[in-house]
Amino acid sequence: MGTATPDGRLSAIVTSGGYLLLFVLGALEGLLGAFWYAWTLGPVPIAALGWAVAILLTTFGAAWGMQAATAGLMPAVGWFLAVFILAMPTRGGSVLIINTSPGRWFLYGGTVCVLAGVVASFATQGRARVERRERGRLAGPRHAAPGPPHTPGAPGAPGAPAPRRPGQEPGQ
C-alpha cells in the first residue's frame, strides 16, 4: 500500500474507488433484480419488494458507511441506469421487465425506495454534519481532527504580532 501524500491524493483515490464500487453495486442489484423480480408468494410479489428494499438499504447504508450523503447517490444512479436500460424494448419488441404486477412493483417500488434512501441519506448525514460542526470538528473520516485551540494574541496564533528580536524597534 502507498502512503498518503501531503495533499491527500491517496485519500481521494480510495474515496473515488469507494464511490465507483457503490455505483457497480447498485447496477448489479438492478441487473439481478431485472431477471429475478417475478417470484411471487400467491398474489404478493415477494422478489420485487425484496429488491426494492435491498436498494433502499444500499443507498442509505452507503451514505452511512462513507459518512457522506453523496455516497447514497452512487448505488441509486447505478440502479437507475441498469434497470431502465433493461426495461427498454429491443428491436424485436422483447422486454425483460414486463407490465405485470411484479414488474410494476420492481420498477416503481424500486424507484420510490431509491428516492427515499437518497432523501434519508441527505437528511441524516446533513444533520450529523451539523452536529459534528457544532461540537467543533468537521464531518466525515476525510477530515483531520482540529488542532489545539489558539488563544488570541499568543505567539504563533493567527493574527498575533510577530515576536521582536532583541534591539529591534517596533514596526521594523
Protein backbone atom coordinates (compact mmCIF):
# COMPACT_ATOMS: atom_id res chain seq x y z
CA MET A 1 0.00 0.00 0.00
CA GLY A 2 1.12 3.51 -0.69
CA THR A 3 1.47 6.31 1.73
CA ALA A 4 -0.63 9.42 1.71
CA THR A 5 0.93 12.48 0.18
CA PRO A 6 0.62 15.79 1.97
CA ASP A 7 -2.21 16.90 -0.32
CA GLY A 8 -4.23 13.73 0.33
CA ARG A 9 -4.10 12.13 -3.13
CA LEU A 10 -4.31 8.60 -1.72
CA SER A 11 -7.37 9.53 0.30
CA ALA A 12 -9.02 10.91 -2.84
CA ILE A 13 -8.19 7.75 -4.79
CA VAL A 14 -9.60 5.50 -2.08
CA THR A 15 -12.76 7.61 -1.80
CA SER A 16 -13.22 7.61 -5.57
CA GLY A 17 -12.76 3.84 -5.63
CA GLY A 18 -15.42 3.50 -2.94
CA TYR A 19 -17.86 5.59 -4.97
CA LEU A 20 -17.14 3.51 -8.07
CA LEU A 21 -17.77 0.26 -6.19
CA LEU A 22 -21.05 1.65 -4.84
CA PHE A 23 -22.11 2.52 -8.39
CA VAL A 24 -21.29 -1.04 -9.53
CA LEU A 25 -23.18 -2.50 -6.55
CA GLY A 26 -26.30 -0.52 -7.47
CA ALA A 27 -26.00 -1.58 -11.11
CA LEU A 28 -25.62 -5.24 -10.08
CA GLU A 29 -28.71 -5.01 -7.87
CA GLY A 30 -30.63 -3.59 -10.82
CA LEU A 31 -29.30 -6.26 -13.19
CA LEU A 32 -30.06 -9.17 -10.89
CA GLY A 33 -33.43 -7.74 -9.92
CA ALA A 34 -34.41 -7.33 -13.58
CA PHE A 35 -34.05 -11.08 -14.05
CA TRP A 36 -35.46 -12.27 -10.72
CA TYR A 37 -38.22 -9.80 -9.84
CA ALA A 38 -41.13 -12.07 -10.83
CA TRP A 39 -41.12 -14.54 -7.92
CA THR A 40 -44.39 -14.31 -6.04
CA LEU A 41 -45.99 -15.79 -2.96
CA GLY A 42 -49.58 -16.04 -4.09
CA PRO A 43 -50.53 -12.56 -5.32
CA VAL A 44 -47.69 -10.84 -3.38
CA PRO A 45 -44.60 -10.00 -5.50
CA ILE A 46 -42.08 -11.00 -2.83
CA ALA A 47 -38.98 -10.78 -5.02
CA ALA A 48 -39.86 -7.34 -6.43
CA LEU A 49 -40.48 -6.00 -2.93
CA GLY A 50 -37.24 -7.60 -1.71
CA TRP A 51 -35.19 -5.96 -4.47
CA ALA A 52 -36.83 -2.60 -3.71
CA VAL A 53 -35.96 -2.89 -0.01
CA ALA A 54 -32.44 -4.00 -0.94
CA ILE A 55 -31.75 -0.85 -2.96
CA LEU A 56 -33.26 1.28 -0.18
CA LEU A 57 -30.88 -0.27 2.34
CA THR A 58 -27.96 0.02 -0.08
CA THR A 59 -28.45 3.74 -0.69
CA PHE A 60 -28.88 4.55 2.97
CA GLY A 61 -26.12 2.19 4.09
CA ALA A 62 -23.67 3.64 1.56
CA ALA A 63 -24.20 7.15 2.92
CA TRP A 64 -23.92 5.94 6.48
CA GLY A 65 -20.81 3.87 5.80
CA MET A 66 -18.90 6.58 3.96
CA GLN A 67 -20.30 9.36 6.17
CA ALA A 68 -21.25 11.33 3.09
CA ALA A 69 -24.74 11.84 1.76
CA THR A 70 -23.48 11.79 -1.82
CA ALA A 71 -22.38 8.18 -1.36
CA GLY A 72 -26.06 7.23 -1.34
CA LEU A 73 -26.40 8.65 -4.85
CA MET A 74 -23.92 6.25 -6.43
CA PRO A 75 -25.86 2.98 -5.99
CA ALA A 76 -29.02 4.89 -6.91
CA VAL A 77 -27.53 6.06 -10.22
CA GLY A 78 -26.19 2.57 -10.95
CA TRP A 79 -29.59 1.01 -10.23
CA PHE A 80 -31.45 3.55 -12.38
CA LEU A 81 -29.13 3.06 -15.33
CA ALA A 82 -29.23 -0.74 -15.18
CA VAL A 83 -32.97 -1.06 -14.62
CA PHE A 84 -34.16 1.47 -17.13
CA ILE A 85 -31.80 0.25 -19.84
CA LEU A 86 -33.00 -3.31 -19.22
CA ALA A 87 -36.65 -2.17 -19.20
CA MET A 88 -36.38 -0.69 -22.70
CA PRO A 89 -37.71 -2.85 -25.54
CA THR A 90 -35.35 -4.40 -28.07
CA ARG A 91 -35.74 -4.03 -31.83
CA GLY A 92 -37.75 -7.24 -31.86
CA GLY A 93 -40.12 -5.89 -29.22
CA SER A 94 -38.93 -8.08 -26.33
CA VAL A 95 -38.63 -6.64 -22.84
CA LEU A 96 -37.11 -8.05 -19.66
CA ILE A 97 -39.35 -6.25 -17.19
CA ILE A 98 -42.89 -6.80 -18.35
CA ASN A 99 -46.04 -4.90 -17.45
CA THR A 100 -47.26 -7.21 -14.69
CA SER A 101 -47.82 -6.58 -11.01
CA PRO A 102 -44.30 -7.79 -10.05
CA GLY A 103 -42.80 -5.74 -12.91
CA ARG A 104 -44.56 -2.59 -11.79
CA TRP A 105 -43.62 -3.19 -8.16
CA PHE A 106 -39.99 -3.70 -9.16
CA LEU A 107 -39.80 -0.56 -11.31
CA TYR A 108 -41.99 1.84 -9.37
CA GLY A 109 -41.40 0.43 -5.91
CA GLY A 110 -37.67 0.37 -6.55
CA THR A 111 -37.75 3.95 -7.79
CA VAL A 112 -39.62 5.10 -4.68
CA CYS A 113 -37.18 3.21 -2.46
CA VAL A 114 -34.18 4.71 -4.27
CA LEU A 115 -35.57 8.20 -3.81
CA ALA A 116 -36.45 7.52 -0.17
CA GLY A 117 -32.96 6.19 0.51
CA VAL A 118 -31.28 9.20 -1.09
CA VAL A 119 -33.52 11.68 0.75
CA ALA A 120 -32.93 9.86 4.04
CA SER A 121 -29.18 9.88 3.33
CA PHE A 122 -29.10 13.62 2.83
CA ALA A 123 -31.36 14.22 5.84
CA THR A 124 -29.38 12.10 8.29
CA GLN A 125 -25.90 12.95 7.02
CA GLY A 126 -26.71 16.65 6.86
CA ARG A 127 -27.95 16.57 10.44
CA ALA A 128 -24.91 14.57 11.58
CA ARG A 129 -22.60 17.03 9.82
CA VAL A 130 -24.23 19.97 11.62
CA GLU A 131 -23.94 18.20 14.98
CA ARG A 132 -20.26 17.45 14.40
CA ARG A 133 -19.64 21.03 13.31
CA GLU A 134 -21.32 22.31 16.47
CA ARG A 135 -19.02 20.10 18.53
CA GLY A 136 -16.09 21.76 16.81
CA ARG A 137 -14.94 19.27 14.22
CA LEU A 138 -15.70 18.70 10.58
CA ALA A 139 -17.78 15.76 9.45
CA GLY A 140 -16.50 12.56 7.93
CA PRO A 141 -13.37 10.46 8.03
CA ARG A 142 -11.70 12.58 5.33
CA HIS A 143 -11.19 15.48 7.70
CA ALA A 144 -8.45 15.63 10.25
CA ALA A 145 -9.22 16.34 13.88
CA PRO A 146 -8.78 20.01 14.77
CA GLY A 147 -5.56 21.12 16.36
CA PRO A 148 -5.27 22.67 19.81
CA PRO A 149 -7.13 25.95 20.21
CA HIS A 150 -5.08 29.12 19.90
CA THR A 151 -5.53 31.97 22.32
CA PRO A 152 -5.71 35.35 20.60
CA GLY A 153 -2.52 37.32 20.94
CA ALA A 154 -0.41 34.29 21.92
CA PRO A 155 2.82 33.84 19.97
CA GLY A 156 2.13 31.80 16.86
CA ALA A 157 -1.63 32.35 16.98
CA PRO A 158 -3.30 33.62 13.81
CA GLY A 159 -3.30 37.41 13.80
CA ALA A 160 -0.75 37.65 16.62
CA PRO A 161 2.13 40.09 16.13
CA ALA A 162 5.44 38.54 15.18
CA PRO A 163 7.94 38.29 18.07
CA ARG A 164 10.59 41.00 18.18
CA ARG A 165 14.31 40.33 18.22
CA PRO A 166 16.45 42.00 20.89
CA GLY A 167 17.26 45.53 19.81
CA GLN A 168 14.52 45.66 17.20
CA GLU A 169 12.32 48.71 17.19
CA PRO A 170 8.53 48.33 16.90
CA GLY A 171 7.41 48.32 13.28
CA GLN A 172 10.75 47.07 11.88
